[in-house]
Amino acid sequence: MNAFPDEPAAAPEIATADSPPAAVAEAEAEPKAVAETAQPGVPEDSPPRNLLLYTVFGFLCIGVAVWLIFAFTGYKDKYSQQTEGWHLGGTKMLEITIIREDKKNLACASDRDFSGVRCGYRANGQPVGTPEGDAHILQPFNTVKNELFLAAGLWQAPALKEPLPKERFTVVCNYHVVGVLKAVSLRWSLTGSFGPVEQSVAVGTLSDCVIPQ
């Protein structure tokens, strides 16, 4: 016989409503442990800050480059015809499109004088002498390529003394560039008003004009 009576066996644990099963408690403990190890406020898969900065900077550079390309293309399309091969003191052969009424219709207004060659009107719109028939009075013209320029001496050419066509026609002349006007106003009809141009305009004289046959 034992000296002491047998100890009673431990009573089995009885789950109560307030004590969750062991499996549930273990599952709840795992996310808590992960949350404690993660840095607060930073997603696990967030890319490094430098990578984001480089990406944004790269897109910005691409956008600026595309804008510059389009801006230059638009500028070139608008102005290349008006600057290609033109230089002060140079002579360029031009084909001009006109109608016979342009002799009286076309005029420019400016206070600038280029060695006696000037517009027929001052900047305030007042005429300078008698513009019509003066070989030193500038008028605005356009080439067949839509190049705008100011020139004097067209209507004094022998080819323009003959009866002129009733419809629009062209004249080929040598154009000698003597200057550039930035602030100038133009008139395209006898009863029209002067309007400023938004670009610099070449100034020169015309010679050796012929009407293409």
N, C-alpha and C. Protein backbone atom coordinates (compact mmCIF):
# COMPACT_ATOMS: atom_id res chain seq x y z
N MET A 1 0.84 -1.19 0.00
CA MET A 1 0.00 0.00 0.00
C MET A 1 0.87 1.23 0.00
N ASN A 2 0.42 2.28 -0.64
CA ASN A 2 1.12 3.57 -0.67
C ASN A 2 0.90 4.25 0.65
N ALA A 3 1.96 5.00 0.98
CA ALA A 3 1.84 5.73 2.22
C ALA A 3 0.85 6.84 2.13
N PHE A 4 0.73 7.34 0.95
CA PHE A 4 -0.19 8.46 0.74
C PHE A 4 -1.27 8.05 -0.22
N PRO A 5 -2.41 8.58 -0.03
CA PRO A 5 -3.48 8.22 -0.97
C PRO A 5 -3.19 8.77 -2.36
N ASP A 6 -3.69 8.08 -3.35
CA ASP A 6 -3.47 8.52 -4.75
C ASP A 6 -4.02 9.92 -4.93
N GLU A 7 -3.19 10.79 -5.64
CA GLU A 7 -3.63 12.16 -5.96
C GLU A 7 -4.68 12.11 -7.03
N PRO A 8 -5.66 12.92 -6.89
CA PRO A 8 -6.71 12.90 -7.94
C PRO A 8 -6.17 13.40 -9.28
N ALA A 9 -6.61 12.84 -10.36
CA ALA A 9 -6.16 13.25 -11.72
C ALA A 9 -6.65 14.65 -12.03
N ALA A 10 -5.80 15.40 -12.81
CA ALA A 10 -6.17 16.78 -13.16
C ALA A 10 -7.42 16.79 -14.00
N ALA A 11 -8.25 17.72 -13.68
CA ALA A 11 -9.53 17.82 -14.41
C ALA A 11 -9.28 18.38 -15.79
N PRO A 12 -9.90 17.86 -16.82
CA PRO A 12 -9.71 18.39 -18.19
C PRO A 12 -10.24 19.81 -18.31
N GLU A 13 -9.53 20.61 -19.17
CA GLU A 13 -9.96 21.99 -19.39
C GLU A 13 -11.30 22.01 -20.08
N ILE A 14 -12.12 22.88 -19.57
CA ILE A 14 -13.46 23.01 -20.16
C ILE A 14 -13.53 24.38 -20.83
N ALA A 15 -13.79 24.37 -22.13
CA ALA A 15 -13.89 25.64 -22.88
C ALA A 15 -15.12 26.38 -22.46
N THR A 16 -14.92 27.63 -22.21
CA THR A 16 -16.06 28.49 -21.86
C THR A 16 -16.32 29.45 -22.99
N ALA A 17 -17.38 30.20 -22.88
CA ALA A 17 -17.74 31.16 -23.94
C ALA A 17 -16.74 32.26 -24.04
N ASP A 18 -16.02 32.61 -22.90
CA ASP A 18 -15.07 33.72 -22.90
C ASP A 18 -13.68 33.29 -23.33
N SER A 19 -13.40 32.05 -23.44
CA SER A 19 -12.04 31.59 -23.82
C SER A 19 -12.08 30.98 -25.19
N PRO A 20 -11.46 31.61 -26.20
CA PRO A 20 -11.51 31.07 -27.57
C PRO A 20 -10.71 29.79 -27.67
N PRO A 21 -11.05 28.94 -28.62
CA PRO A 21 -10.27 27.71 -28.83
C PRO A 21 -8.83 28.04 -29.13
N ALA A 22 -7.95 27.12 -28.86
CA ALA A 22 -6.50 27.34 -29.04
C ALA A 22 -6.16 27.66 -30.48
N ALA A 23 -6.81 27.00 -31.44
CA ALA A 23 -6.51 27.24 -32.86
C ALA A 23 -6.87 28.66 -33.26
N VAL A 24 -8.00 29.16 -32.72
CA VAL A 24 -8.42 30.52 -33.06
C VAL A 24 -7.47 31.53 -32.45
N ALA A 25 -7.07 31.30 -31.20
CA ALA A 25 -6.14 32.22 -30.54
C ALA A 25 -4.80 32.25 -31.25
N GLU A 26 -4.35 31.12 -31.72
CA GLU A 26 -3.06 31.06 -32.44
C GLU A 26 -3.14 31.79 -33.76
N ALA A 27 -4.28 31.66 -34.48
CA ALA A 27 -4.45 32.35 -35.76
C ALA A 27 -4.49 33.85 -35.59
N GLU A 28 -5.09 34.31 -34.46
CA GLU A 28 -5.17 35.74 -34.22
C GLU A 28 -3.82 36.32 -33.82
N ALA A 29 -2.96 35.50 -33.22
CA ALA A 29 -1.67 35.98 -32.76
C ALA A 29 -0.71 36.23 -33.91
N GLU A 30 -0.84 35.49 -35.03
CA GLU A 30 0.09 35.60 -36.15
C GLU A 30 0.04 36.98 -36.81
N PRO A 31 -1.14 37.54 -37.23
CA PRO A 31 -1.14 38.88 -37.82
C PRO A 31 -0.61 39.93 -36.89
N LYS A 32 -0.85 39.73 -35.57
CA LYS A 32 -0.36 40.70 -34.61
C LYS A 32 1.16 40.73 -34.60
N ALA A 33 1.77 39.56 -34.69
CA ALA A 33 3.23 39.50 -34.70
C ALA A 33 3.79 40.15 -35.96
N VAL A 34 3.11 39.92 -37.10
CA VAL A 34 3.56 40.52 -38.36
C VAL A 34 3.42 42.03 -38.30
N ALA A 35 2.31 42.51 -37.74
CA ALA A 35 2.09 43.95 -37.64
C ALA A 35 3.13 44.62 -36.78
N GLU A 36 3.61 43.92 -35.75
CA GLU A 36 4.61 44.51 -34.88
C GLU A 36 5.94 44.65 -35.56
N THR A 37 6.25 43.73 -36.48
CA THR A 37 7.54 43.79 -37.17
C THR A 37 7.53 44.77 -38.33
N ALA A 38 6.35 45.03 -38.93
CA ALA A 38 6.27 45.96 -40.07
C ALA A 38 6.41 47.39 -39.61
N GLN A 39 6.98 48.26 -40.48
CA GLN A 39 7.11 49.67 -40.15
C GLN A 39 5.76 50.35 -40.25
N PRO A 40 5.43 51.14 -39.25
CA PRO A 40 4.10 51.79 -39.29
C PRO A 40 4.00 52.78 -40.43
N GLY A 41 2.85 52.75 -41.16
CA GLY A 41 2.57 53.73 -42.20
C GLY A 41 3.26 53.48 -43.51
N VAL A 42 4.04 52.42 -43.67
CA VAL A 42 4.76 52.13 -44.92
C VAL A 42 4.29 50.81 -45.46
N PRO A 43 3.67 50.78 -46.64
CA PRO A 43 3.25 49.51 -47.23
C PRO A 43 4.45 48.62 -47.49
N GLU A 44 4.20 47.31 -47.37
CA GLU A 44 5.30 46.36 -47.54
C GLU A 44 5.89 46.42 -48.94
N ASP A 45 5.03 46.59 -49.97
CA ASP A 45 5.51 46.52 -51.36
C ASP A 45 5.77 47.89 -51.95
N SER A 46 5.82 48.96 -51.15
CA SER A 46 6.06 50.29 -51.71
C SER A 46 7.46 50.39 -52.27
N PRO A 47 7.62 50.96 -53.52
CA PRO A 47 8.95 51.08 -54.12
C PRO A 47 9.80 52.10 -53.39
N PRO A 48 11.09 52.05 -53.54
CA PRO A 48 11.97 53.02 -52.89
C PRO A 48 11.64 54.43 -53.35
N ARG A 49 11.86 55.39 -52.47
CA ARG A 49 11.53 56.79 -52.78
C ARG A 49 12.35 57.30 -53.96
N ASN A 50 13.62 56.93 -54.06
CA ASN A 50 14.46 57.38 -55.17
C ASN A 50 13.93 56.90 -56.51
N LEU A 51 13.41 55.69 -56.56
CA LEU A 51 12.87 55.17 -57.80
C LEU A 51 11.68 55.99 -58.26
N LEU A 52 10.82 56.39 -57.33
CA LEU A 52 9.67 57.22 -57.69
C LEU A 52 10.11 58.58 -58.20
N LEU A 53 11.12 59.17 -57.55
CA LEU A 53 11.61 60.47 -58.00
C LEU A 53 12.20 60.39 -59.39
N TYR A 54 13.00 59.36 -59.65
CA TYR A 54 13.59 59.20 -60.97
C TYR A 54 12.52 58.99 -62.04
N THR A 55 11.46 58.26 -61.70
CA THR A 55 10.39 58.01 -62.66
C THR A 55 9.67 59.30 -63.02
N VAL A 56 9.32 60.09 -61.98
CA VAL A 56 8.64 61.37 -62.23
C VAL A 56 9.54 62.31 -63.02
N PHE A 57 10.81 62.37 -62.68
CA PHE A 57 11.74 63.24 -63.41
C PHE A 57 11.88 62.81 -64.86
N GLY A 58 11.89 61.50 -65.10
CA GLY A 58 11.99 61.00 -66.47
C GLY A 58 10.80 61.39 -67.31
N PHE A 59 9.59 61.24 -66.74
CA PHE A 59 8.39 61.64 -67.49
C PHE A 59 8.38 63.14 -67.74
N LEU A 60 8.85 63.93 -66.78
CA LEU A 60 8.91 65.38 -66.96
C LEU A 60 9.84 65.76 -68.10
N CYS A 61 11.00 65.11 -68.16
CA CYS A 61 11.96 65.39 -69.25
C CYS A 61 11.38 65.03 -70.60
N ILE A 62 10.68 63.91 -70.66
CA ILE A 62 10.07 63.48 -71.93
C ILE A 62 9.01 64.50 -72.37
N GLY A 63 8.19 64.97 -71.41
CA GLY A 63 7.17 65.95 -71.75
C GLY A 63 7.75 67.25 -72.27
N VAL A 64 8.82 67.72 -71.63
CA VAL A 64 9.47 68.96 -72.09
C VAL A 64 10.06 68.77 -73.48
N ALA A 65 10.68 67.62 -73.72
CA ALA A 65 11.28 67.37 -75.03
C ALA A 65 10.23 67.34 -76.13
N VAL A 66 9.09 66.70 -75.87
CA VAL A 66 8.01 66.65 -76.86
C VAL A 66 7.48 68.05 -77.14
N TRP A 67 7.31 68.85 -76.07
CA TRP A 67 6.82 70.23 -76.25
C TRP A 67 7.77 71.04 -77.09
N LEU A 68 9.08 70.91 -76.86
CA LEU A 68 10.06 71.67 -77.63
C LEU A 68 10.03 71.26 -79.10
N ILE A 69 9.86 69.96 -79.35
CA ILE A 69 9.82 69.49 -80.74
C ILE A 69 8.64 70.10 -81.48
N PHE A 70 7.46 70.04 -80.84
CA PHE A 70 6.27 70.59 -81.49
C PHE A 70 6.36 72.10 -81.65
N ALA A 71 6.91 72.77 -80.64
CA ALA A 71 7.04 74.23 -80.72
C ALA A 71 7.97 74.62 -81.86
N PHE A 72 9.11 73.91 -81.99
CA PHE A 72 10.05 74.24 -83.05
C PHE A 72 9.46 73.93 -84.42
N THR A 73 8.73 72.83 -84.51
CA THR A 73 8.12 72.47 -85.79
C THR A 73 7.12 73.53 -86.23
N GLY A 74 6.29 74.01 -85.28
CA GLY A 74 5.32 75.04 -85.62
C GLY A 74 6.00 76.34 -86.04
N TYR A 75 7.07 76.69 -85.33
CA TYR A 75 7.80 77.91 -85.67
C TYR A 75 8.42 77.77 -87.06
N LYS A 76 9.02 76.62 -87.32
CA LYS A 76 9.68 76.43 -88.61
C LYS A 76 8.69 76.49 -89.75
N ASP A 77 7.52 75.84 -89.57
CA ASP A 77 6.51 75.86 -90.63
C ASP A 77 6.04 77.28 -90.92
N LYS A 78 5.99 78.11 -89.88
CA LYS A 78 5.46 79.46 -90.05
C LYS A 78 6.48 80.43 -90.62
N TYR A 79 7.76 80.27 -90.23
CA TYR A 79 8.74 81.30 -90.55
C TYR A 79 9.87 80.86 -91.47
N SER A 80 10.00 79.57 -91.75
CA SER A 80 11.14 79.15 -92.56
C SER A 80 11.10 79.76 -93.96
N GLN A 81 9.88 79.88 -94.53
CA GLN A 81 9.76 80.45 -95.85
C GLN A 81 10.21 81.92 -95.86
N GLN A 82 10.11 82.59 -94.71
CA GLN A 82 10.39 84.02 -94.67
C GLN A 82 11.83 84.33 -94.30
N THR A 83 12.62 83.35 -93.96
CA THR A 83 14.00 83.61 -93.56
C THR A 83 15.02 82.83 -94.39
N GLU A 84 14.58 81.77 -95.06
CA GLU A 84 15.52 80.92 -95.78
C GLU A 84 16.17 81.68 -96.93
N GLY A 85 17.49 81.80 -96.89
CA GLY A 85 18.23 82.43 -97.97
C GLY A 85 18.16 83.95 -97.99
N TRP A 86 17.56 84.58 -96.97
CA TRP A 86 17.45 86.03 -96.93
C TRP A 86 18.51 86.56 -95.97
N HIS A 87 19.26 87.57 -96.40
CA HIS A 87 20.23 88.21 -95.50
C HIS A 87 20.45 89.65 -95.95
N LEU A 88 20.81 90.50 -94.99
CA LEU A 88 21.01 91.92 -95.29
C LEU A 88 22.10 92.10 -96.32
N GLY A 89 21.81 92.95 -97.28
CA GLY A 89 22.78 93.22 -98.34
C GLY A 89 22.76 92.20 -99.46
N GLY A 90 21.99 91.12 -99.29
CA GLY A 90 21.94 90.08 -100.32
C GLY A 90 20.86 90.34 -101.34
N THR A 91 20.93 89.61 -102.46
CA THR A 91 19.93 89.71 -103.53
C THR A 91 19.33 88.34 -103.76
N LYS A 92 18.02 88.30 -103.84
CA LYS A 92 17.30 87.04 -103.97
C LYS A 92 16.27 87.19 -105.08
N MET A 93 16.16 86.17 -105.94
CA MET A 93 15.15 86.21 -106.99
C MET A 93 13.82 85.73 -106.42
N LEU A 94 12.79 86.56 -106.60
CA LEU A 94 11.47 86.26 -106.05
C LEU A 94 10.43 86.24 -107.16
N GLU A 95 9.43 85.39 -106.97
CA GLU A 95 8.26 85.41 -107.84
C GLU A 95 7.10 85.94 -107.01
N ILE A 96 6.59 87.10 -107.41
CA ILE A 96 5.60 87.82 -106.63
C ILE A 96 4.23 87.65 -107.26
N THR A 97 3.22 87.50 -106.41
CA THR A 97 1.85 87.40 -106.91
C THR A 97 1.13 88.72 -106.65
N ILE A 98 0.55 89.32 -107.71
CA ILE A 98 -0.08 90.63 -107.59
C ILE A 98 -1.29 90.71 -108.51
N ILE A 99 -2.07 91.78 -108.34
CA ILE A 99 -3.09 92.20 -109.29
C ILE A 99 -2.78 93.66 -109.63
N ARG A 100 -3.28 94.12 -110.75
CA ARG A 100 -2.89 95.45 -111.21
C ARG A 100 -3.38 96.55 -110.26
N GLU A 101 -4.48 96.27 -109.51
CA GLU A 101 -4.98 97.27 -108.56
C GLU A 101 -4.08 97.44 -107.34
N ASP A 102 -3.12 96.53 -107.16
CA ASP A 102 -2.23 96.63 -106.00
C ASP A 102 -1.38 97.91 -106.02
N LYS A 103 -1.22 98.48 -107.19
CA LYS A 103 -0.43 99.70 -107.29
C LYS A 103 -0.99 100.80 -106.38
N LYS A 104 -2.33 100.87 -106.27
CA LYS A 104 -2.97 101.87 -105.42
C LYS A 104 -3.41 101.30 -104.08
N ASN A 105 -3.66 99.99 -104.04
CA ASN A 105 -4.22 99.38 -102.83
C ASN A 105 -3.20 99.18 -101.71
N LEU A 106 -2.00 98.77 -102.07
CA LEU A 106 -1.03 98.33 -101.06
C LEU A 106 -0.24 99.50 -100.50
N ALA A 107 -0.07 99.50 -99.17
CA ALA A 107 0.70 100.57 -98.52
C ALA A 107 1.17 100.09 -97.16
N CYS A 108 2.20 100.75 -96.65
CA CYS A 108 2.70 100.46 -95.30
C CYS A 108 2.90 101.77 -94.56
N ALA A 109 2.91 101.69 -93.21
CA ALA A 109 3.05 102.87 -92.37
C ALA A 109 4.16 102.64 -91.35
N SER A 110 5.16 103.53 -91.37
CA SER A 110 6.28 103.44 -90.43
C SER A 110 7.08 104.74 -90.51
N ASP A 111 7.77 105.05 -89.41
CA ASP A 111 8.61 106.25 -89.39
C ASP A 111 10.05 105.95 -89.81
N ARG A 112 10.39 104.69 -90.03
CA ARG A 112 11.75 104.33 -90.38
C ARG A 112 12.08 104.70 -91.83
N ASP A 113 13.34 105.08 -92.03
CA ASP A 113 13.84 105.43 -93.37
C ASP A 113 15.11 104.64 -93.63
N PHE A 114 15.19 104.00 -94.79
CA PHE A 114 16.36 103.21 -95.16
C PHE A 114 17.04 103.86 -96.36
N SER A 115 17.88 104.86 -96.08
CA SER A 115 18.61 105.57 -97.14
C SER A 115 17.67 106.08 -98.22
N GLY A 116 16.57 106.69 -97.81
CA GLY A 116 15.62 107.25 -98.76
C GLY A 116 14.49 106.32 -99.11
N VAL A 117 14.60 105.04 -98.80
CA VAL A 117 13.52 104.08 -99.05
C VAL A 117 12.69 103.98 -97.78
N ARG A 118 11.40 104.25 -97.91
CA ARG A 118 10.54 104.25 -96.73
C ARG A 118 9.09 103.97 -97.11
N CYS A 119 8.23 103.78 -96.08
CA CYS A 119 6.81 103.58 -96.32
C CYS A 119 6.16 104.89 -96.78
N GLY A 120 5.03 104.76 -97.46
CA GLY A 120 4.32 105.93 -97.96
C GLY A 120 3.56 106.67 -96.89
N TYR A 121 3.46 106.09 -95.68
CA TYR A 121 2.73 106.73 -94.59
C TYR A 121 3.55 106.65 -93.31
N ARG A 122 3.39 107.66 -92.47
CA ARG A 122 4.05 107.64 -91.18
C ARG A 122 3.30 106.69 -90.24
N ALA A 123 3.90 106.45 -89.07
CA ALA A 123 3.29 105.53 -88.12
C ALA A 123 1.92 106.01 -87.66
N ASN A 124 1.68 107.33 -87.70
CA ASN A 124 0.38 107.86 -87.30
C ASN A 124 -0.65 107.85 -88.43
N GLY A 125 -0.26 107.31 -89.59
CA GLY A 125 -1.19 107.20 -90.72
C GLY A 125 -1.18 108.37 -91.66
N GLN A 126 -0.36 109.39 -91.40
CA GLN A 126 -0.28 110.55 -92.28
C GLN A 126 0.61 110.23 -93.49
N PRO A 127 0.18 110.60 -94.71
CA PRO A 127 0.98 110.30 -95.91
C PRO A 127 2.28 111.10 -95.93
N VAL A 128 3.27 110.50 -96.59
CA VAL A 128 4.57 111.16 -96.79
C VAL A 128 4.62 111.61 -98.25
N GLY A 129 4.35 112.89 -98.52
CA GLY A 129 4.38 113.37 -99.89
C GLY A 129 3.29 112.71 -100.73
N THR A 130 3.66 112.35 -101.95
CA THR A 130 2.75 111.66 -102.87
C THR A 130 3.30 110.27 -103.16
N PRO A 131 2.82 109.24 -102.43
CA PRO A 131 3.41 107.91 -102.55
C PRO A 131 3.31 107.30 -103.95
N GLU A 132 2.17 107.51 -104.63
CA GLU A 132 1.97 106.81 -105.89
C GLU A 132 2.99 107.28 -106.94
N GLY A 133 3.64 106.30 -107.57
CA GLY A 133 4.61 106.58 -108.62
C GLY A 133 6.01 106.86 -108.13
N ASP A 134 6.24 106.88 -106.82
CA ASP A 134 7.57 107.15 -106.27
C ASP A 134 8.33 105.83 -106.17
N ALA A 135 9.50 105.77 -106.80
CA ALA A 135 10.28 104.54 -106.83
C ALA A 135 10.91 104.21 -105.48
N HIS A 136 10.83 105.12 -104.50
CA HIS A 136 11.43 104.89 -103.19
C HIS A 136 10.39 104.58 -102.11
N ILE A 137 9.14 104.41 -102.51
CA ILE A 137 8.08 104.13 -101.56
C ILE A 137 7.85 102.63 -101.46
N LEU A 138 7.88 102.13 -100.24
CA LEU A 138 7.70 100.71 -99.98
C LEU A 138 6.22 100.31 -100.03
N GLN A 139 6.00 99.08 -100.46
CA GLN A 139 4.67 98.47 -100.42
C GLN A 139 4.81 97.02 -99.96
N PRO A 140 3.77 96.46 -99.35
CA PRO A 140 3.84 95.04 -98.95
C PRO A 140 3.47 94.12 -100.12
N PHE A 141 4.19 93.03 -100.25
CA PHE A 141 3.92 92.03 -101.28
C PHE A 141 4.06 90.64 -100.67
N ASN A 142 3.54 89.67 -101.40
CA ASN A 142 3.70 88.26 -101.04
C ASN A 142 4.24 87.49 -102.23
N THR A 143 5.14 86.56 -101.96
CA THR A 143 5.63 85.69 -103.02
C THR A 143 4.63 84.56 -103.23
N VAL A 144 4.87 83.75 -104.24
CA VAL A 144 4.01 82.60 -104.48
C VAL A 144 4.13 81.57 -103.35
N LYS A 145 5.17 81.68 -102.53
CA LYS A 145 5.33 80.81 -101.35
C LYS A 145 4.77 81.46 -100.09
N ASN A 146 4.02 82.56 -100.28
CA ASN A 146 3.41 83.28 -99.17
C ASN A 146 4.44 83.91 -98.25
N GLU A 147 5.53 84.41 -98.81
CA GLU A 147 6.55 85.14 -98.06
C GLU A 147 6.21 86.62 -98.10
N LEU A 148 6.04 87.20 -96.94
CA LEU A 148 5.70 88.62 -96.84
C LEU A 148 6.98 89.46 -96.83
N PHE A 149 6.99 90.56 -97.59
CA PHE A 149 8.14 91.45 -97.61
C PHE A 149 7.69 92.84 -98.06
N LEU A 150 8.53 93.83 -97.82
CA LEU A 150 8.29 95.20 -98.26
C LEU A 150 9.29 95.54 -99.35
N ALA A 151 8.81 96.19 -100.41
CA ALA A 151 9.70 96.50 -101.53
C ALA A 151 9.27 97.77 -102.22
N ALA A 152 10.24 98.40 -102.84
CA ALA A 152 10.01 99.60 -103.66
C ALA A 152 10.54 99.35 -105.06
N GLY A 153 9.96 100.04 -106.04
CA GLY A 153 10.48 99.98 -107.40
C GLY A 153 9.77 99.02 -108.33
N LEU A 154 8.74 98.32 -107.86
CA LEU A 154 8.07 97.34 -108.72
C LEU A 154 7.39 98.00 -109.91
N TRP A 155 6.59 99.02 -109.66
CA TRP A 155 5.75 99.58 -110.71
C TRP A 155 6.53 100.47 -111.67
N GLN A 156 7.79 100.73 -111.37
CA GLN A 156 8.64 101.49 -112.29
C GLN A 156 9.37 100.58 -113.28
N ALA A 157 9.25 99.26 -113.11
CA ALA A 157 9.91 98.32 -114.02
C ALA A 157 9.26 98.40 -115.40
N PRO A 158 10.06 98.34 -116.48
CA PRO A 158 9.49 98.41 -117.83
C PRO A 158 8.44 97.34 -118.09
N ALA A 159 8.59 96.15 -117.50
CA ALA A 159 7.62 95.08 -117.74
C ALA A 159 6.25 95.40 -117.17
N LEU A 160 6.19 96.33 -116.21
CA LEU A 160 4.91 96.69 -115.59
C LEU A 160 4.28 97.92 -116.25
N LYS A 161 4.91 98.46 -117.30
CA LYS A 161 4.36 99.62 -117.98
C LYS A 161 3.33 99.22 -119.03
N GLU A 162 3.44 97.99 -119.53
CA GLU A 162 2.54 97.53 -120.58
C GLU A 162 1.15 97.27 -119.98
N PRO A 163 0.12 97.12 -120.82
CA PRO A 163 -1.19 96.75 -120.27
C PRO A 163 -1.09 95.46 -119.46
N LEU A 164 -1.54 95.50 -118.24
CA LEU A 164 -1.38 94.37 -117.33
C LEU A 164 -2.59 93.44 -117.37
N PRO A 165 -2.40 92.17 -117.04
CA PRO A 165 -3.53 91.23 -117.02
C PRO A 165 -4.63 91.68 -116.05
N LYS A 166 -5.85 91.35 -116.40
CA LYS A 166 -6.97 91.71 -115.53
C LYS A 166 -7.05 90.80 -114.30
N GLU A 167 -6.61 89.56 -114.44
CA GLU A 167 -6.62 88.61 -113.33
C GLU A 167 -5.29 88.67 -112.58
N ARG A 168 -5.23 87.93 -111.48
CA ARG A 168 -3.98 87.86 -110.70
C ARG A 168 -2.88 87.23 -111.55
N PHE A 169 -1.68 87.78 -111.45
CA PHE A 169 -0.55 87.26 -112.21
C PHE A 169 0.70 87.34 -111.34
N THR A 170 1.80 86.85 -111.88
CA THR A 170 3.06 86.85 -111.12
C THR A 170 4.14 87.63 -111.86
N VAL A 171 5.06 88.15 -111.07
CA VAL A 171 6.21 88.89 -111.60
C VAL A 171 7.46 88.33 -110.93
N VAL A 172 8.50 88.11 -111.72
CA VAL A 172 9.77 87.63 -111.18
C VAL A 172 10.76 88.79 -111.17
N CYS A 173 11.34 89.07 -110.00
CA CYS A 173 12.25 90.20 -109.83
C CYS A 173 13.45 89.80 -108.98
N ASN A 174 14.50 90.59 -109.09
CA ASN A 174 15.62 90.49 -108.15
C ASN A 174 15.32 91.41 -106.97
N TYR A 175 15.40 90.85 -105.79
CA TYR A 175 15.07 91.59 -104.57
C TYR A 175 16.34 91.82 -103.77
N HIS A 176 16.69 93.08 -103.57
CA HIS A 176 17.89 93.45 -102.80
C HIS A 176 17.47 93.89 -101.40
N VAL A 177 17.90 93.15 -100.37
CA VAL A 177 17.50 93.41 -98.98
C VAL A 177 18.35 94.54 -98.40
N VAL A 178 17.68 95.60 -97.92
CA VAL A 178 18.40 96.74 -97.35
C VAL A 178 18.15 96.91 -95.85
N GLY A 179 17.17 96.19 -95.29
CA GLY A 179 16.89 96.33 -93.87
C GLY A 179 15.75 95.44 -93.44
N VAL A 180 15.37 95.62 -92.18
CA VAL A 180 14.28 94.85 -91.58
C VAL A 180 13.43 95.79 -90.73
N LEU A 181 12.12 95.67 -90.86
CA LEU A 181 11.19 96.46 -90.06
C LEU A 181 10.44 95.53 -89.11
N LYS A 182 10.43 95.91 -87.82
CA LYS A 182 9.68 95.11 -86.84
C LYS A 182 8.35 95.75 -86.51
N ALA A 183 8.35 97.07 -86.33
CA ALA A 183 7.11 97.79 -86.02
C ALA A 183 6.61 98.47 -87.29
N VAL A 184 5.68 97.82 -87.96
CA VAL A 184 5.14 98.36 -89.21
C VAL A 184 3.68 97.94 -89.33
N SER A 185 2.88 98.79 -89.95
CA SER A 185 1.47 98.50 -90.20
C SER A 185 1.24 98.44 -91.71
N LEU A 186 0.33 97.57 -92.12
CA LEU A 186 0.10 97.34 -93.55
C LEU A 186 -1.35 97.61 -93.91
N ARG A 187 -1.54 98.03 -95.17
CA ARG A 187 -2.88 98.22 -95.72
C ARG A 187 -2.96 97.44 -97.02
N TRP A 188 -4.06 96.65 -97.18
CA TRP A 188 -4.18 95.79 -98.36
C TRP A 188 -5.29 96.23 -99.31
N SER A 189 -5.99 97.30 -99.00
CA SER A 189 -7.01 97.83 -99.91
C SER A 189 -7.05 99.35 -99.76
N LEU A 190 -7.52 100.01 -100.80
CA LEU A 190 -7.50 101.47 -100.82
C LEU A 190 -8.35 102.08 -99.71
N THR A 191 -9.45 101.42 -99.37
CA THR A 191 -10.34 101.94 -98.33
C THR A 191 -10.12 101.26 -96.98
N GLY A 192 -9.18 100.33 -96.91
CA GLY A 192 -8.94 99.60 -95.67
C GLY A 192 -8.10 100.42 -94.69
N SER A 193 -8.03 99.92 -93.48
CA SER A 193 -7.24 100.58 -92.44
C SER A 193 -5.92 99.85 -92.26
N PHE A 194 -4.96 100.54 -91.66
CA PHE A 194 -3.65 99.95 -91.41
C PHE A 194 -3.72 99.03 -90.19
N GLY A 195 -3.09 97.88 -90.33
CA GLY A 195 -3.04 96.92 -89.23
C GLY A 195 -1.61 96.48 -88.98
N PRO A 196 -1.19 96.37 -87.70
CA PRO A 196 0.19 95.96 -87.41
C PRO A 196 0.43 94.49 -87.75
N VAL A 197 1.64 94.17 -88.12
CA VAL A 197 2.03 92.78 -88.38
C VAL A 197 2.71 92.23 -87.14
N GLU A 198 2.67 90.91 -86.97
CA GLU A 198 3.19 90.26 -85.77
C GLU A 198 4.56 89.64 -86.01
N GLN A 199 5.29 90.14 -86.99
CA GLN A 199 6.60 89.57 -87.29
C GLN A 199 7.47 90.65 -87.92
N SER A 200 8.78 90.40 -87.92
CA SER A 200 9.70 91.30 -88.61
C SER A 200 9.58 91.08 -90.11
N VAL A 201 9.70 92.17 -90.88
CA VAL A 201 9.50 92.10 -92.33
C VAL A 201 10.73 92.66 -93.03
N ALA A 202 11.20 91.93 -94.04
CA ALA A 202 12.35 92.39 -94.82
C ALA A 202 11.97 93.62 -95.63
N VAL A 203 12.95 94.51 -95.81
CA VAL A 203 12.78 95.74 -96.57
C VAL A 203 13.82 95.75 -97.69
N GLY A 204 13.39 96.11 -98.91
CA GLY A 204 14.35 96.12 -100.01
C GLY A 204 13.79 96.78 -101.27
N THR A 205 14.54 96.62 -102.34
CA THR A 205 14.17 97.18 -103.63
C THR A 205 14.09 96.08 -104.66
N LEU A 206 13.24 96.27 -105.66
CA LEU A 206 13.06 95.29 -106.75
C LEU A 206 13.66 95.83 -108.04
N SER A 207 14.26 94.93 -108.81
CA SER A 207 14.84 95.32 -110.10
C SER A 207 14.78 94.13 -111.07
N ASP A 208 15.00 94.44 -112.34
CA ASP A 208 15.03 93.39 -113.39
C ASP A 208 13.76 92.54 -113.37
N CYS A 209 12.62 93.18 -113.27
CA CYS A 209 11.37 92.43 -113.17
C CYS A 209 10.86 92.01 -114.54
N VAL A 210 10.33 90.80 -114.62
CA VAL A 210 9.73 90.29 -115.84
C VAL A 210 8.47 89.52 -115.49
N ILE A 211 7.53 89.51 -116.43
CA ILE A 211 6.32 88.73 -116.24
C ILE A 211 6.53 87.38 -116.95
N PRO A 212 6.48 86.26 -116.21
CA PRO A 212 6.70 84.97 -116.85
C PRO A 212 5.67 84.71 -117.94
N GLN A 213 6.16 84.16 -119.04
CA GLN A 213 5.28 83.86 -120.19
C GLN A 213 5.01 82.36 -120.27
